[in-house]
Amino acid sequence: MSKYRKSFGNYGEDLACEFLVKKGYRILKRNYRFGHGEIDIIAKDGDILVFVEVKTRENLEFGPPELAVTRNKQRQIKKISEGYLYEKEIGNTVCRIDVIAILNQKGYKPVINHIINAF
């Protein structure tokens, strides 16, 4: 992955964290790795544990960013989420998976689409 793509992705994750904190979420972990995968953000929304996938794009050439969360990516996020629960010995907790899609076109304010309980 190029340095630009990594820094652009980090910028999107920073925006997503700011967005979530303003909504009252508490950020627990960023870039949690389990096996060969990663979850961008793990947060608490009240008593709910939320796993967040962040997708950021500069344009709509390949469609809106949320479309990048394919079925395979969804399966991977679910597995990593289960890994987090197992590793932290968390049981009997309400969880959900959200997607935050960010369109960050030059010259415009970033547009954030928060899809709660995305899949």
C-alpha atoms as a PDB file:
ATOM      1  CA  MET A   1       0.000   0.000   0.000  1.00  0.00           C
ATOM      2  CA  SER A   2       1.365   3.419  -0.926  1.00  0.00           C
ATOM      3  CA  LYS A   3       2.176   6.001   1.744  1.00  0.00           C
ATOM      4  CA  TYR A   4      -0.488   8.285   0.250  1.00  0.00           C
ATOM      5  CA  ARG A   5      -3.241   5.644   0.474  1.00  0.00           C
ATOM      6  CA  LYS A   6      -2.261   4.795   4.047  1.00  0.00           C
ATOM      7  CA  SER A   7      -2.220   8.446   5.146  1.00  0.00           C
ATOM      8  CA  PHE A   8      -5.513   9.091   3.300  1.00  0.00           C
ATOM      9  CA  GLY A   9      -7.045   6.102   5.090  1.00  0.00           C
ATOM     10  CA  ASN A  10      -5.723   7.357   8.430  1.00  0.00           C
ATOM     11  CA  TYR A  11      -7.216  10.776   7.684  1.00  0.00           C
ATOM     12  CA  GLY A  12     -10.604   9.131   7.077  1.00  0.00           C
ATOM     13  CA  GLU A  13     -10.336   7.181  10.330  1.00  0.00           C
ATOM     14  CA  ASP A  14      -9.463  10.399  12.187  1.00  0.00           C
ATOM     15  CA  LEU A  15     -12.570  12.072  10.736  1.00  0.00           C
ATOM     16  CA  ALA A  16     -14.684   9.051  11.686  1.00  0.00           C
ATOM     17  CA  CYS A  17     -13.392   9.104  15.274  1.00  0.00           C
ATOM     18  CA  GLU A  18     -14.114  12.833  15.599  1.00  0.00           C
ATOM     19  CA  PHE A  19     -17.599  12.238  14.183  1.00  0.00           C
ATOM     20  CA  LEU A  20     -18.301   9.390  16.615  1.00  0.00           C
ATOM     21  CA  VAL A  21     -16.978  11.270  19.652  1.00  0.00           C
ATOM     22  CA  LYS A  22     -19.240  14.232  18.790  1.00  0.00           C
ATOM     23  CA  LYS A  23     -22.154  11.763  18.760  1.00  0.00           C
ATOM     24  CA  GLY A  24     -21.223  10.591  22.260  1.00  0.00           C
ATOM     25  CA  TYR A  25     -19.335   7.410  21.421  1.00  0.00           C
ATOM     26  CA  ARG A  26     -16.258   6.400  23.395  1.00  0.00           C
ATOM     27  CA  ILE A  27     -13.372   5.137  21.256  1.00  0.00           C
ATOM     28  CA  LEU A  28     -11.827   1.989  22.757  1.00  0.00           C
ATOM     29  CA  LYS A  29      -9.368   0.917  20.081  1.00  0.00           C
ATOM     30  CA  ARG A  30      -8.184   1.840  16.603  1.00  0.00           C
ATOM     31  CA  ASN A  31      -6.731  -0.544  14.053  1.00  0.00           C
ATOM     32  CA  TYR A  32      -7.373  -3.709  16.040  1.00  0.00           C
ATOM     33  CA  ARG A  33      -5.627  -6.632  14.367  1.00  0.00           C
ATOM     34  CA  PHE A  34      -6.634 -10.271  14.690  1.00  0.00           C
ATOM     35  CA  GLY A  35      -5.167 -12.880  12.375  1.00  0.00           C
ATOM     36  CA  HIS A  36      -4.750 -11.357   8.936  1.00  0.00           C
ATOM     37  CA  GLY A  37      -7.436  -8.715   9.318  1.00  0.00           C
ATOM     38  CA  GLU A  38      -8.133  -5.423  10.983  1.00  0.00           C
ATOM     39  CA  ILE A  39     -11.088  -3.478  12.343  1.00  0.00           C
ATOM     40  CA  ASP A  40     -10.679   0.265  11.955  1.00  0.00           C
ATOM     41  CA  ILE A  41     -12.458   1.419  15.130  1.00  0.00           C
ATOM     42  CA  ILE A  42     -13.927  -0.276  18.182  1.00  0.00           C
ATOM     43  CA  ALA A  43     -16.156   2.017  20.234  1.00  0.00           C
ATOM     44  CA  LYS A  44     -18.928   2.092  22.811  1.00  0.00           C
ATOM     45  CA  ASP A  45     -22.294   3.662  22.051  1.00  0.00           C
ATOM     46  CA  GLY A  46     -23.758   3.660  25.545  1.00  0.00           C
ATOM     47  CA  ASP A  47     -23.746  -0.022  26.511  1.00  0.00           C
ATOM     48  CA  ILE A  48     -23.382  -1.254  22.914  1.00  0.00           C
ATOM     49  CA  LEU A  49     -19.991  -2.414  21.643  1.00  0.00           C
ATOM     50  CA  VAL A  50     -19.590  -1.136  18.086  1.00  0.00           C
ATOM     51  CA  PHE A  51     -17.150  -2.385  15.463  1.00  0.00           C
ATOM     52  CA  VAL A  52     -16.682   0.259  12.767  1.00  0.00           C
ATOM     53  CA  GLU A  53     -15.392  -0.154   9.234  1.00  0.00           C
ATOM     54  CA  VAL A  54     -14.307   3.136   7.645  1.00  0.00           C
ATOM     55  CA  LYS A  55     -14.160   3.643   3.881  1.00  0.00           C
ATOM     56  CA  THR A  56     -12.872   6.920   2.454  1.00  0.00           C
ATOM     57  CA  ARG A  57     -12.793   7.986  -1.181  1.00  0.00           C
ATOM     58  CA  GLU A  58     -11.794  11.124  -3.054  1.00  0.00           C
ATOM     59  CA  ASN A  59     -14.349  10.742  -5.837  1.00  0.00           C
ATOM     60  CA  LEU A  60     -17.194   8.573  -7.053  1.00  0.00           C
ATOM     61  CA  GLU A  61     -15.300   7.057  -9.978  1.00  0.00           C
ATOM     62  CA  PHE A  62     -15.750   3.578  -8.486  1.00  0.00           C
ATOM     63  CA  GLY A  63     -19.045   4.324  -6.729  1.00  0.00           C
ATOM     64  CA  PRO A  64     -19.776   5.478  -3.189  1.00  0.00           C
ATOM     65  CA  PRO A  65     -17.286   4.330  -0.525  1.00  0.00           C
ATOM     66  CA  GLU A  66     -19.785   2.128   1.328  1.00  0.00           C
ATOM     67  CA  LEU A  67     -19.979  -0.171  -1.707  1.00  0.00           C
ATOM     68  CA  ALA A  68     -16.376  -1.195  -1.000  1.00  0.00           C
ATOM     69  CA  VAL A  69     -17.633  -3.215   1.982  1.00  0.00           C
ATOM     70  CA  THR A  70     -18.190  -6.389  -0.009  1.00  0.00           C
ATOM     71  CA  ARG A  71     -19.615  -9.684   1.281  1.00  0.00           C
ATOM     72  CA  ASN A  72     -16.079 -11.000   1.744  1.00  0.00           C
ATOM     73  CA  LYS A  73     -15.126  -7.893   3.719  1.00  0.00           C
ATOM     74  CA  GLN A  74     -18.271  -8.286   5.837  1.00  0.00           C
ATOM     75  CA  ARG A  75     -17.332 -11.902   6.641  1.00  0.00           C
ATOM     76  CA  GLN A  76     -13.822 -10.815   7.553  1.00  0.00           C
ATOM     77  CA  ILE A  77     -15.082  -8.038   9.853  1.00  0.00           C
ATOM     78  CA  LYS A  78     -17.431 -10.492  11.589  1.00  0.00           C
ATOM     79  CA  LYS A  79     -14.561 -12.942  12.179  1.00  0.00           C
ATOM     80  CA  ILE A  80     -12.294 -10.235  13.562  1.00  0.00           C
ATOM     81  CA  SER A  81     -15.110  -8.950  15.787  1.00  0.00           C
ATOM     82  CA  GLU A  82     -15.573 -12.469  17.173  1.00  0.00           C
ATOM     83  CA  GLY A  83     -11.806 -12.640  17.685  1.00  0.00           C
ATOM     84  CA  TYR A  84     -11.906  -9.419  19.713  1.00  0.00           C
ATOM     85  CA  LEU A  85     -14.719 -10.745  21.905  1.00  0.00           C
ATOM     86  CA  TYR A  86     -12.841 -14.019  22.411  1.00  0.00           C
ATOM     87  CA  GLU A  87      -9.484 -12.363  23.124  1.00  0.00           C
ATOM     88  CA  LYS A  88     -10.976  -9.879  25.602  1.00  0.00           C
ATOM     89  CA  GLU A  89     -13.230 -12.578  27.137  1.00  0.00           C
ATOM     90  CA  ILE A  90     -16.309 -10.469  26.508  1.00  0.00           C
ATOM     91  CA  GLY A  91     -19.603 -12.276  26.718  1.00  0.00           C
ATOM     92  CA  ASN A  92     -23.233 -11.344  27.055  1.00  0.00           C
ATOM     93  CA  THR A  93     -22.725  -7.936  25.440  1.00  0.00           C
ATOM     94  CA  VAL A  94     -24.828  -6.286  22.762  1.00  0.00           C
ATOM     95  CA  CYS A  95     -22.681  -5.654  19.686  1.00  0.00           C
ATOM     96  CA  ARG A  96     -23.177  -4.242  16.225  1.00  0.00           C
ATOM     97  CA  ILE A  97     -21.182  -3.423  13.134  1.00  0.00           C
ATOM     98  CA  ASP A  98     -21.362   0.054  11.604  1.00  0.00           C
ATOM     99  CA  VAL A  99     -19.882   1.444   8.407  1.00  0.00           C
ATOM    100  CA  ILE A 100     -18.720   5.024   8.079  1.00  0.00           C
ATOM    101  CA  ALA A 101     -18.364   6.084   4.455  1.00  0.00           C
ATOM    102  CA  ILE A 102     -16.542   9.335   3.774  1.00  0.00           C
ATOM    103  CA  LEU A 103     -16.462  11.165   0.467  1.00  0.00           C
ATOM    104  CA  ASN A 104     -13.626  13.684   0.623  1.00  0.00           C
ATOM    105  CA  GLN A 105     -13.611  15.540  -2.690  1.00  0.00           C
ATOM    106  CA  LYS A 106     -11.091  18.343  -3.150  1.00  0.00           C
ATOM    107  CA  GLY A 107     -12.612  21.742  -2.559  1.00  0.00           C
ATOM    108  CA  TYR A 108     -15.586  20.380  -0.611  1.00  0.00           C
ATOM    109  CA  LYS A 109     -16.293  19.604   3.010  1.00  0.00           C
ATOM    110  CA  PRO A 110     -16.106  15.818   3.640  1.00  0.00           C
ATOM    111  CA  VAL A 111     -19.487  14.069   3.453  1.00  0.00           C
ATOM    112  CA  ILE A 112     -19.924  11.411   6.147  1.00  0.00           C
ATOM    113  CA  ASN A 113     -22.494   8.651   5.843  1.00  0.00           C
ATOM    114  CA  HIS A 114     -22.861   6.642   9.085  1.00  0.00           C
ATOM    115  CA  ILE A 115     -24.630   3.347   8.478  1.00  0.00           C
ATOM    116  CA  ILE A 116     -25.670   1.980  11.870  1.00  0.00           C
ATOM    117  CA  ASN A 117     -25.977  -1.817  12.155  1.00  0.00           C
ATOM    118  CA  ALA A 118     -24.847  -2.099   8.531  1.00  0.00           C
ATOM    119  CA  PHE A 119     -24.846  -5.913   8.414  1.00  0.00           C
END
